[in-house]
Structures are given as structure tokens and as C-alpha cells.
Amino acid sequence: MSKASAPLVSAQDMAKKYGDFIALHPLNIEVHSGEFFGVFGPNGAGKSTFIKLLTGQLRPSKGRIEVLGVDAVNDPQKVKANIGIVPESESPPSFLTPAEFLEFVARLRGVDDMLAKVEHWLDWFGLQDKRDTMCKDLSKGQRQKVMLASAFIHKPKLLFLDEPFANLDPIYQRKCREWLLNHVEEGGTIFLCSHVLEMAERMCNRMAIINDGRVLAAGTVKGLKQSSDETLEDVFIRLVGRSIEDVERHEEEGVTHDDSEE
């Protein structure tokens, strides 16, 4: 594969175990420049483990991971330094204000015209009246806006989002969707984890559906449908329902998980 067409994200035989519990079964994935790639599944399916492995927040039990040409297993800090991340359920530092936190992130990222960018994102997210309030005193939605602003402020080439809109009202969900789609049009790449299927219909070029730590299917939204009448919700229920039945049958038969990835 030529350098120009090399994937921005590549995982080969990536898996994660905690003792005997398999959080993510071995999988292979590639995400290329300009894609909006989504991973969808029910709560507890393994979505957050998936994204934490790719962003160097967790070390895989086996497999090779490259992000922006960097070995994410051996150099996770370099990966984190060159991407944008909005983790699930993470808040900005409690005793910084939104303005202080965004300025800190902008300095760390080497953002040009830093103060103007901080003001822009405070305005964009409607946080000017909270700019000098300590983050511990903000609402969940306001803290989420600060985290999103900190990921958007340097317009990263590659952006990872884990349930990014969970605490946002519909107005800011729409604003963020529009910004993300525009970012992709301008050459950015996005890797999104969510359980909200509407996002796949509206935003994703390609997607994967996972459950119980297994990738059940991957491809374009259209390609995953068996017919023109089938909705994405139908696809999800068909695949996840079948996955649950398989697990229950294996448990009844006394079949254990394969431990070969140790």
C-alpha cells in the first residue's frame, strides 16, 4: 500500500482481556483519511474498550495498533499528542474554569492565535457567562461542552469521540453534528462510538456493530441492510439479537471463550 493511501487507524488482531473476561475479541480494522467511522452497540458491548485501545488509554492483550503512523502500543503518549479525544464520562479539571482549561489545552496543542480561539469556542458553546466558573460547579451539559471545545480547538486531523452528545440538548447536538460533518468535508477524520443509531444514518460513511466484545458486522450503512425496506434499527436488532442467542446457546452447551489470545 502506498504511503498516500495508508490508513490513519490500523488494528491487527487487537484484543483485550481482564483475567478470564474477554472485553474485546480479536479484530482487524482500518480507518482512512476523510472517513466518518462509527462503532455502535448496546451498553456494555465493548465500545469504550475499543476506543481506549486505539487512543493509547488501554494496552491490548494482543495485537498491533497504529494511529497516524505511530505504534499506539509502544508510544501511546505520541498518539495522544496528535489526536483529539472526547472520552465517555470525563470532565474537565474541577478547579479550573472553562477559560483556563481551554487556554491550557490551546497552549499544549500549540494553537495559533490562542486567546481568540478560546473566546471563539466559549462563544460557540454559549459558555461566556460561565467562563470564570470553576468546572466543578458547571452542569453535566456545560462540562460536556467544555470537553468538546477542548477537542475541537486545534481542529485535529483525527478525532475520537465516545458518546459525545450524551449530555447535550438538541440545539447543541445539531450544532456539533454540523461542525463534525464540515470537519470531515475539510479533510478531517472521525472515529465515533455510540449507541445512538440515528448518528450512523446522518453522519457515518462506514460503521461497525458490536456486542459482547465481538464485531458482528462492518461496512457502509447501505451495505449492512439486507433489503431497501430494512432500517438500520432492523439491522441492529437482527445482528445483536442473533449475537445474544449465540452466547446463551454456548452457555447452555457449556462452551467457554477461546483463550488463545493470551
C-alpha atoms as a PDB file:
ATOM      1  CA  MET A   1       0.000   0.000   0.000  1.00  0.00           C
ATOM      2  CA  SER A   2       1.364   3.401  -0.893  1.00  0.00           C
ATOM      3  CA  LYS A   3       2.066   5.986   1.748  1.00  0.00           C
ATOM      4  CA  ALA A   4      -0.700   8.235   0.404  1.00  0.00           C
ATOM      5  CA  SER A   5      -3.324   5.526   0.871  1.00  0.00           C
ATOM      6  CA  ALA A   6      -2.083   4.191   4.229  1.00  0.00           C
ATOM      7  CA  PRO A   7      -4.851   4.105   6.850  1.00  0.00           C
ATOM      8  CA  LEU A   8      -4.831   6.657   9.671  1.00  0.00           C
ATOM      9  CA  VAL A   9      -6.001   3.929  12.062  1.00  0.00           C
ATOM     10  CA  SER A  10      -4.969   0.297  11.721  1.00  0.00           C
ATOM     11  CA  ALA A  11      -5.552  -2.502  14.226  1.00  0.00           C
ATOM     12  CA  GLN A  12      -4.436  -6.063  13.543  1.00  0.00           C
ATOM     13  CA  ASP A  13      -5.670  -8.905  15.738  1.00  0.00           C
ATOM     14  CA  MET A  14      -6.409  -6.389  18.533  1.00  0.00           C
ATOM     15  CA  ALA A  15      -7.955  -7.889  21.683  1.00  0.00           C
ATOM     16  CA  LYS A  16      -8.369  -7.091  25.379  1.00  0.00           C
ATOM     17  CA  LYS A  17      -8.808  -9.436  28.348  1.00  0.00           C
ATOM     18  CA  TYR A  18      -9.110  -8.878  32.084  1.00  0.00           C
ATOM     19  CA  GLY A  19      -8.224 -12.228  33.616  1.00  0.00           C
ATOM     20  CA  ASP A  20     -10.735 -14.678  32.177  1.00  0.00           C
ATOM     21  CA  PHE A  21     -13.094 -11.948  30.994  1.00  0.00           C
ATOM     22  CA  ILE A  22     -12.799 -11.073  27.307  1.00  0.00           C
ATOM     23  CA  ALA A  23     -13.694  -7.386  26.924  1.00  0.00           C
ATOM     24  CA  LEU A  24     -12.871  -7.342  23.213  1.00  0.00           C
ATOM     25  CA  HIS A  25     -12.318 -10.349  20.979  1.00  0.00           C
ATOM     26  CA  PRO A  26      -9.582 -10.202  18.295  1.00  0.00           C
ATOM     27  CA  LEU A  27     -10.483  -7.849  15.459  1.00  0.00           C
ATOM     28  CA  ASN A  28      -8.965  -6.058  12.481  1.00  0.00           C
ATOM     29  CA  ILE A  29      -9.903  -2.563  11.410  1.00  0.00           C
ATOM     30  CA  GLU A  30      -8.729   0.240   9.135  1.00  0.00           C
ATOM     31  CA  VAL A  31      -9.953   3.836   9.018  1.00  0.00           C
ATOM     32  CA  HIS A  32      -8.767   6.063   6.183  1.00  0.00           C
ATOM     33  CA  SER A  33      -8.400   9.812   5.814  1.00  0.00           C
ATOM     34  CA  GLY A  34     -11.684  11.635   5.298  1.00  0.00           C
ATOM     35  CA  GLU A  35     -13.865   8.883   6.776  1.00  0.00           C
ATOM     36  CA  PHE A  36     -16.531   9.261   9.431  1.00  0.00           C
ATOM     37  CA  PHE A  37     -16.374   5.816  11.024  1.00  0.00           C
ATOM     38  CA  GLY A  38     -18.830   4.772  13.721  1.00  0.00           C
ATOM     39  CA  VAL A  39     -18.880   1.873  16.181  1.00  0.00           C
ATOM     40  CA  PHE A  40     -22.356   1.121  17.500  1.00  0.00           C
ATOM     41  CA  GLY A  41     -23.617  -1.341  20.071  1.00  0.00           C
ATOM     42  CA  PRO A  42     -25.702  -1.643  23.227  1.00  0.00           C
ATOM     43  CA  ASN A  43     -24.397  -0.546  26.611  1.00  0.00           C
ATOM     44  CA  GLY A  44     -21.567  -2.819  27.730  1.00  0.00           C
ATOM     45  CA  ALA A  45     -20.873  -4.073  24.205  1.00  0.00           C
ATOM     46  CA  GLY A  46     -17.183  -3.089  24.268  1.00  0.00           C
ATOM     47  CA  LYS A  47     -17.344   0.294  22.511  1.00  0.00           C
ATOM     48  CA  SER A  48     -15.368   2.204  25.139  1.00  0.00           C
ATOM     49  CA  THR A  49     -12.726  -0.547  25.330  1.00  0.00           C
ATOM     50  CA  PHE A  50     -12.453  -0.339  21.532  1.00  0.00           C
ATOM     51  CA  ILE A  51     -11.776   3.403  21.518  1.00  0.00           C
ATOM     52  CA  LYS A  52      -9.477   3.317  24.576  1.00  0.00           C
ATOM     53  CA  LEU A  53      -7.245   0.752  22.880  1.00  0.00           C
ATOM     54  CA  LEU A  54      -6.961   2.824  19.706  1.00  0.00           C
ATOM     55  CA  THR A  55      -6.155   6.020  21.628  1.00  0.00           C
ATOM     56  CA  GLY A  56      -3.491   4.523  23.882  1.00  0.00           C
ATOM     57  CA  GLN A  57      -5.595   4.706  27.039  1.00  0.00           C
ATOM     58  CA  LEU A  58      -5.505   0.902  27.375  1.00  0.00           C
ATOM     59  CA  ARG A  59      -2.857  -1.606  26.376  1.00  0.00           C
ATOM     60  CA  PRO A  60      -4.136  -4.553  24.314  1.00  0.00           C
ATOM     61  CA  SER A  61      -3.723  -8.132  25.496  1.00  0.00           C
ATOM     62  CA  LYS A  62      -2.550  -8.908  21.963  1.00  0.00           C
ATOM     63  CA  GLY A  63      -2.359  -7.300  18.549  1.00  0.00           C
ATOM     64  CA  ARG A  64      -0.773  -4.359  16.762  1.00  0.00           C
ATOM     65  CA  ILE A  65      -2.237  -0.843  16.642  1.00  0.00           C
ATOM     66  CA  GLU A  66      -1.020   2.093  14.528  1.00  0.00           C
ATOM     67  CA  VAL A  67      -2.566   5.555  14.665  1.00  0.00           C
ATOM     68  CA  LEU A  68      -1.251   8.288  12.348  1.00  0.00           C
ATOM     69  CA  GLY A  69       1.698   6.008  11.630  1.00  0.00           C
ATOM     70  CA  VAL A  70       2.580   5.735  15.340  1.00  0.00           C
ATOM     71  CA  ASP A  71       2.746   2.451  17.262  1.00  0.00           C
ATOM     72  CA  ALA A  72      -0.024   3.032  19.824  1.00  0.00           C
ATOM     73  CA  VAL A  73       1.102   0.115  21.979  1.00  0.00           C
ATOM     74  CA  ASN A  74       4.714   1.226  22.424  1.00  0.00           C
ATOM     75  CA  ASP A  75       4.233   5.016  22.174  1.00  0.00           C
ATOM     76  CA  PRO A  76       0.735   5.887  23.429  1.00  0.00           C
ATOM     77  CA  GLN A  77       1.787   9.382  24.524  1.00  0.00           C
ATOM     78  CA  LYS A  78       2.746  10.350  20.989  1.00  0.00           C
ATOM     79  CA  VAL A  79      -0.633   9.131  19.748  1.00  0.00           C
ATOM     80  CA  LYS A  80      -2.475  11.187  22.385  1.00  0.00           C
ATOM     81  CA  ALA A  81      -0.404  14.246  21.480  1.00  0.00           C
ATOM     82  CA  ASN A  82      -1.513  14.137  17.847  1.00  0.00           C
ATOM     83  CA  ILE A  83      -5.220  13.351  18.044  1.00  0.00           C
ATOM     84  CA  GLY A  84      -8.346  14.826  19.607  1.00  0.00           C
ATOM     85  CA  ILE A  85     -10.225  12.757  22.194  1.00  0.00           C
ATOM     86  CA  VAL A  86     -13.559  13.184  23.964  1.00  0.00           C
ATOM     87  CA  PRO A  87     -13.761  10.207  26.351  1.00  0.00           C
ATOM     88  CA  GLU A  88     -17.045   8.981  27.783  1.00  0.00           C
ATOM     89  CA  SER A  89     -17.937  10.437  31.202  1.00  0.00           C
ATOM     90  CA  GLU A  90     -14.760  12.505  31.579  1.00  0.00           C
ATOM     91  CA  SER A  91     -14.950  16.060  32.866  1.00  0.00           C
ATOM     92  CA  PRO A  92     -12.506  18.982  32.725  1.00  0.00           C
ATOM     93  CA  PRO A  93     -10.363  19.560  35.847  1.00  0.00           C
ATOM     94  CA  SER A  94     -12.635  20.618  38.713  1.00  0.00           C
ATOM     95  CA  PHE A  95     -10.649  23.617  39.903  1.00  0.00           C
ATOM     96  CA  LEU A  96     -10.027  25.222  36.534  1.00  0.00           C
ATOM     97  CA  THR A  97     -12.532  27.482  34.819  1.00  0.00           C
ATOM     98  CA  PRO A  98     -13.616  26.813  31.214  1.00  0.00           C
ATOM     99  CA  ALA A  99     -11.456  29.704  30.019  1.00  0.00           C
ATOM    100  CA  GLU A 100      -8.418  28.444  31.960  1.00  0.00           C
ATOM    101  CA  PHE A 101      -8.844  24.863  30.736  1.00  0.00           C
ATOM    102  CA  LEU A 102      -9.248  25.845  27.088  1.00  0.00           C
ATOM    103  CA  GLU A 103      -6.228  28.134  27.323  1.00  0.00           C
ATOM    104  CA  PHE A 104      -4.217  25.285  28.864  1.00  0.00           C
ATOM    105  CA  VAL A 105      -5.240  22.891  26.062  1.00  0.00           C
ATOM    106  CA  ALA A 106      -4.552  25.509  23.386  1.00  0.00           C
ATOM    107  CA  ARG A 107      -1.056  26.141  24.767  1.00  0.00           C
ATOM    108  CA  LEU A 108      -0.384  22.407  24.985  1.00  0.00           C
ATOM    109  CA  ARG A 109      -1.528  21.940  21.377  1.00  0.00           C
ATOM    110  CA  GLY A 110       0.416  24.921  20.073  1.00  0.00           C
ATOM    111  CA  VAL A 111      -2.715  26.645  18.732  1.00  0.00           C
ATOM    112  CA  ASP A 112      -2.082  29.866  16.813  1.00  0.00           C
ATOM    113  CA  ASP A 113      -3.996  32.964  17.934  1.00  0.00           C
ATOM    114  CA  MET A 114      -4.737  31.104  21.145  1.00  0.00           C
ATOM    115  CA  LEU A 115      -6.787  33.667  23.054  1.00  0.00           C
ATOM    116  CA  ALA A 116      -9.022  34.371  20.063  1.00  0.00           C
ATOM    117  CA  LYS A 117      -9.647  30.623  19.635  1.00  0.00           C
ATOM    118  CA  VAL A 118     -10.554  30.277  23.313  1.00  0.00           C
ATOM    119  CA  GLU A 119     -13.034  33.135  23.005  1.00  0.00           C
ATOM    120  CA  HIS A 120     -14.469  31.650  19.815  1.00  0.00           C
ATOM    121  CA  TRP A 121     -15.257  28.305  21.424  1.00  0.00           C
ATOM    122  CA  LEU A 122     -16.637  29.851  24.598  1.00  0.00           C
ATOM    123  CA  ASP A 123     -18.998  31.838  22.374  1.00  0.00           C
ATOM    124  CA  TRP A 124     -19.769  28.881  20.113  1.00  0.00           C
ATOM    125  CA  PHE A 125     -20.855  26.714  23.039  1.00  0.00           C
ATOM    126  CA  GLY A 126     -22.678  29.533  24.862  1.00  0.00           C
ATOM    127  CA  LEU A 127     -20.279  29.441  27.803  1.00  0.00           C
ATOM    128  CA  GLN A 128     -19.276  33.094  28.098  1.00  0.00           C
ATOM    129  CA  ASP A 129     -21.375  33.589  31.227  1.00  0.00           C
ATOM    130  CA  LYS A 130     -19.626  30.546  32.776  1.00  0.00           C
ATOM    131  CA  ARG A 131     -16.107  31.326  31.554  1.00  0.00           C
ATOM    132  CA  ASP A 132     -14.840  32.124  35.079  1.00  0.00           C
ATOM    133  CA  THR A 133     -16.869  29.497  36.955  1.00  0.00           C
ATOM    134  CA  MET A 134     -14.927  26.524  38.288  1.00  0.00           C
ATOM    135  CA  CYS A 135     -15.730  23.435  36.263  1.00  0.00           C
ATOM    136  CA  LYS A 136     -16.865  21.537  39.357  1.00  0.00           C
ATOM    137  CA  ASP A 137     -19.777  23.982  39.576  1.00  0.00           C
ATOM    138  CA  LEU A 138     -20.928  23.500  35.984  1.00  0.00           C
ATOM    139  CA  SER A 139     -23.813  21.273  34.930  1.00  0.00           C
ATOM    140  CA  LYS A 140     -23.104  17.962  33.158  1.00  0.00           C
ATOM    141  CA  GLY A 141     -24.062  19.522  29.843  1.00  0.00           C
ATOM    142  CA  GLN A 142     -21.775  22.512  30.388  1.00  0.00           C
ATOM    143  CA  ARG A 143     -18.850  20.246  31.308  1.00  0.00           C
ATOM    144  CA  GLN A 144     -19.500  18.225  28.157  1.00  0.00           C
ATOM    145  CA  LYS A 145     -19.380  21.419  26.096  1.00  0.00           C
ATOM    146  CA  VAL A 146     -16.004  22.292  27.635  1.00  0.00           C
ATOM    147  CA  MET A 147     -14.645  18.833  26.766  1.00  0.00           C
ATOM    148  CA  LEU A 148     -15.892  19.091  23.190  1.00  0.00           C
ATOM    149  CA  ALA A 149     -14.435  22.599  22.845  1.00  0.00           C
ATOM    150  CA  SER A 150     -11.069  21.301  24.072  1.00  0.00           C
ATOM    151  CA  ALA A 151     -11.118  18.621  21.353  1.00  0.00           C
ATOM    152  CA  PHE A 152     -12.265  20.967  18.586  1.00  0.00           C
ATOM    153  CA  ILE A 153      -9.976  23.908  19.394  1.00  0.00           C
ATOM    154  CA  HIS A 154      -6.960  22.627  17.415  1.00  0.00           C
ATOM    155  CA  LYS A 155      -9.017  21.027  14.583  1.00  0.00           C
ATOM    156  CA  PRO A 156      -7.204  17.693  14.831  1.00  0.00           C
ATOM    157  CA  LYS A 157      -6.618  15.607  11.741  1.00  0.00           C
ATOM    158  CA  LEU A 158      -8.052  12.617  13.626  1.00  0.00           C
ATOM    159  CA  LEU A 159     -10.764  12.931  16.270  1.00  0.00           C
ATOM    160  CA  PHE A 160     -12.053  10.178  18.577  1.00  0.00           C
ATOM    161  CA  LEU A 161     -15.458  10.633  20.225  1.00  0.00           C
ATOM    162  CA  ASP A 162     -17.034   8.309  22.804  1.00  0.00           C
ATOM    163  CA  GLU A 163     -20.774   9.046  23.331  1.00  0.00           C
ATOM    164  CA  PRO A 164     -20.040  12.746  22.733  1.00  0.00           C
ATOM    165  CA  PHE A 165     -23.606  14.085  22.802  1.00  0.00           C
ATOM    166  CA  ALA A 166     -24.979  12.271  25.855  1.00  0.00           C
ATOM    167  CA  ASN A 167     -25.479  15.421  27.956  1.00  0.00           C
ATOM    168  CA  LEU A 168     -26.177  17.957  25.207  1.00  0.00           C
ATOM    169  CA  ASP A 169     -29.541  19.487  24.411  1.00  0.00           C
ATOM    170  CA  PRO A 170     -30.901  19.069  20.837  1.00  0.00           C
ATOM    171  CA  ILE A 171     -29.679  22.513  19.743  1.00  0.00           C
ATOM    172  CA  TYR A 172     -26.039  21.731  20.540  1.00  0.00           C
ATOM    173  CA  GLN A 173     -26.333  18.166  19.290  1.00  0.00           C
ATOM    174  CA  ARG A 174     -27.256  19.622  15.899  1.00  0.00           C
ATOM    175  CA  LYS A 175     -24.517  22.281  16.045  1.00  0.00           C
ATOM    176  CA  CYS A 176     -21.903  19.663  16.845  1.00  0.00           C
ATOM    177  CA  ARG A 177     -23.125  17.292  14.134  1.00  0.00           C
ATOM    178  CA  GLU A 178     -22.866  20.081  11.577  1.00  0.00           C
ATOM    179  CA  TRP A 179     -19.371  21.034  12.748  1.00  0.00           C
ATOM    180  CA  LEU A 180     -18.186  17.424  12.618  1.00  0.00           C
ATOM    181  CA  LEU A 181     -19.577  16.854   9.132  1.00  0.00           C
ATOM    182  CA  ASN A 182     -17.941  20.057   7.948  1.00  0.00           C
ATOM    183  CA  HIS A 183     -14.667  18.979   9.569  1.00  0.00           C
ATOM    184  CA  VAL A 184     -14.758  15.749   7.549  1.00  0.00           C
ATOM    185  CA  GLU A 185     -15.548  17.672   4.351  1.00  0.00           C
ATOM    186  CA  GLU A 186     -12.437  19.752   5.001  1.00  0.00           C
ATOM    187  CA  GLY A 187     -10.272  16.630   5.281  1.00  0.00           C
ATOM    188  CA  GLY A 188     -10.639  15.606   8.911  1.00  0.00           C
ATOM    189  CA  THR A 189     -11.284  12.030  10.029  1.00  0.00           C
ATOM    190  CA  ILE A 190     -13.600  10.969  12.854  1.00  0.00           C
ATOM    191  CA  PHE A 191     -13.936   7.753  14.845  1.00  0.00           C
ATOM    192  CA  LEU A 192     -17.163   7.727  16.844  1.00  0.00           C
ATOM    193  CA  CYS A 193     -18.529   5.266  19.419  1.00  0.00           C
ATOM    194  CA  SER A 194     -22.201   5.474  20.328  1.00  0.00           C
ATOM    195  CA  HIS A 195     -25.402   3.527  20.932  1.00  0.00           C
ATOM    196  CA  VAL A 196     -27.479   6.134  19.057  1.00  0.00           C
ATOM    197  CA  LEU A 197     -28.185   4.670  15.627  1.00  0.00           C
ATOM    198  CA  GLU A 198     -29.519   7.960  14.278  1.00  0.00           C
ATOM    199  CA  MET A 199     -25.924   9.187  14.195  1.00  0.00           C
ATOM    200  CA  ALA A 200     -24.953   6.428  11.793  1.00  0.00           C
ATOM    201  CA  GLU A 201     -27.737   7.332   9.373  1.00  0.00           C
ATOM    202  CA  ARG A 202     -26.906  11.026   9.475  1.00  0.00           C
ATOM    203  CA  MET A 203     -23.140  11.058   9.718  1.00  0.00           C
ATOM    204  CA  CYS A 204     -21.170   7.864   9.058  1.00  0.00           C
ATOM    205  CA  ASN A 205     -19.509   6.710   5.841  1.00  0.00           C
ATOM    206  CA  ARG A 206     -18.830   3.312   7.380  1.00  0.00           C
ATOM    207  CA  MET A 207     -19.767   1.630  10.614  1.00  0.00           C
ATOM    208  CA  ALA A 208     -19.330  -1.486  12.733  1.00  0.00           C
ATOM    209  CA  ILE A 209     -21.884  -3.086  15.040  1.00  0.00           C
ATOM    210  CA  ILE A 210     -20.509  -4.837  18.113  1.00  0.00           C
ATOM    211  CA  ASN A 211     -21.894  -6.797  21.042  1.00  0.00           C
ATOM    212  CA  ASP A 212     -20.291  -8.822  23.817  1.00  0.00           C
ATOM    213  CA  GLY A 213     -16.889  -7.655  22.621  1.00  0.00           C
ATOM    214  CA  ARG A 214     -17.358  -9.055  19.121  1.00  0.00           C
ATOM    215  CA  VAL A 215     -17.679  -7.210  15.820  1.00  0.00           C
ATOM    216  CA  LEU A 216     -20.913  -8.574  14.339  1.00  0.00           C
ATOM    217  CA  ALA A 217     -20.747  -6.701  11.022  1.00  0.00           C
ATOM    218  CA  ALA A 218     -18.940  -3.785   9.378  1.00  0.00           C
ATOM    219  CA  GLY A 219     -19.404  -1.809   6.202  1.00  0.00           C
ATOM    220  CA  THR A 220     -21.387   1.071   4.772  1.00  0.00           C
ATOM    221  CA  VAL A 221     -24.797   1.815   6.262  1.00  0.00           C
ATOM    222  CA  LYS A 222     -26.434   0.832   2.972  1.00  0.00           C
ATOM    223  CA  GLY A 223     -24.321  -2.288   2.639  1.00  0.00           C
ATOM    224  CA  LEU A 224     -25.357  -3.653   6.042  1.00  0.00           C
ATOM    225  CA  LYS A 225     -29.031  -3.679   5.052  1.00  0.00           C
ATOM    226  CA  GLN A 226     -30.379  -6.873   3.526  1.00  0.00           C
ATOM    227  CA  SER A 227     -33.092  -5.029   1.617  1.00  0.00           C
ATOM    228  CA  SER A 228     -34.221  -1.495   0.776  1.00  0.00           C
ATOM    229  CA  ASP A 229     -37.051  -1.885   3.291  1.00  0.00           C
ATOM    230  CA  GLU A 230     -34.778  -2.799   6.193  1.00  0.00           C
ATOM    231  CA  THR A 231     -33.971   0.078   8.548  1.00  0.00           C
ATOM    232  CA  LEU A 232     -30.714   0.436  10.437  1.00  0.00           C
ATOM    233  CA  GLU A 233     -32.664  -0.312  13.605  1.00  0.00           C
ATOM    234  CA  ASP A 234     -33.792  -3.586  11.976  1.00  0.00           C
ATOM    235  CA  VAL A 235     -30.163  -4.393  11.134  1.00  0.00           C
ATOM    236  CA  PHE A 236     -29.065  -3.664  14.699  1.00  0.00           C
ATOM    237  CA  ILE A 237     -31.794  -5.800  16.285  1.00  0.00           C
ATOM    238  CA  ARG A 238     -31.189  -8.627  13.825  1.00  0.00           C
ATOM    239  CA  LEU A 239     -27.454  -8.755  14.495  1.00  0.00           C
ATOM    240  CA  VAL A 240     -27.451  -8.056  18.240  1.00  0.00           C
ATOM    241  CA  GLY A 241     -30.384 -10.394  18.852  1.00  0.00           C
ATOM    242  CA  ARG A 242     -28.623 -13.196  16.999  1.00  0.00           C
ATOM    243  CA  SER A 243     -25.430 -12.471  18.970  1.00  0.00           C
ATOM    244  CA  ILE A 244     -27.264 -12.743  22.299  1.00  0.00           C
ATOM    245  CA  GLU A 245     -28.882 -16.030  21.221  1.00  0.00           C
ATOM    246  CA  ASP A 246     -25.461 -17.432  20.268  1.00  0.00           C
ATOM    247  CA  VAL A 247     -23.980 -16.502  23.652  1.00  0.00           C
ATOM    248  CA  GLU A 248     -26.928 -18.032  25.525  1.00  0.00           C
ATOM    249  CA  ARG A 249     -26.672 -21.226  23.478  1.00  0.00           C
ATOM    250  CA  HIS A 250     -22.956 -21.504  24.152  1.00  0.00           C
ATOM    251  CA  GLU A 251     -23.546 -21.042  27.873  1.00  0.00           C
ATOM    252  CA  GLU A 252     -26.206 -23.760  27.853  1.00  0.00           C
ATOM    253  CA  GLU A 253     -23.849 -26.077  25.983  1.00  0.00           C
ATOM    254  CA  GLY A 254     -21.001 -25.297  28.359  1.00  0.00           C
ATOM    255  CA  VAL A 255     -18.856 -23.750  25.628  1.00  0.00           C
ATOM    256  CA  THR A 256     -16.201 -21.401  27.026  1.00  0.00           C
ATOM    257  CA  HIS A 257     -14.451 -18.498  25.339  1.00  0.00           C
ATOM    258  CA  ASP A 258     -11.272 -19.201  23.409  1.00  0.00           C
ATOM    259  CA  ASP A 259      -8.293 -18.080  25.488  1.00  0.00           C
ATOM    260  CA  SER A 260      -5.819 -18.256  22.602  1.00  0.00           C
ATOM    261  CA  GLU A 261      -5.135 -14.520  22.675  1.00  0.00           C
ATOM    262  CA  GLU A 262      -3.227 -14.718  25.927  1.00  0.00           C
END
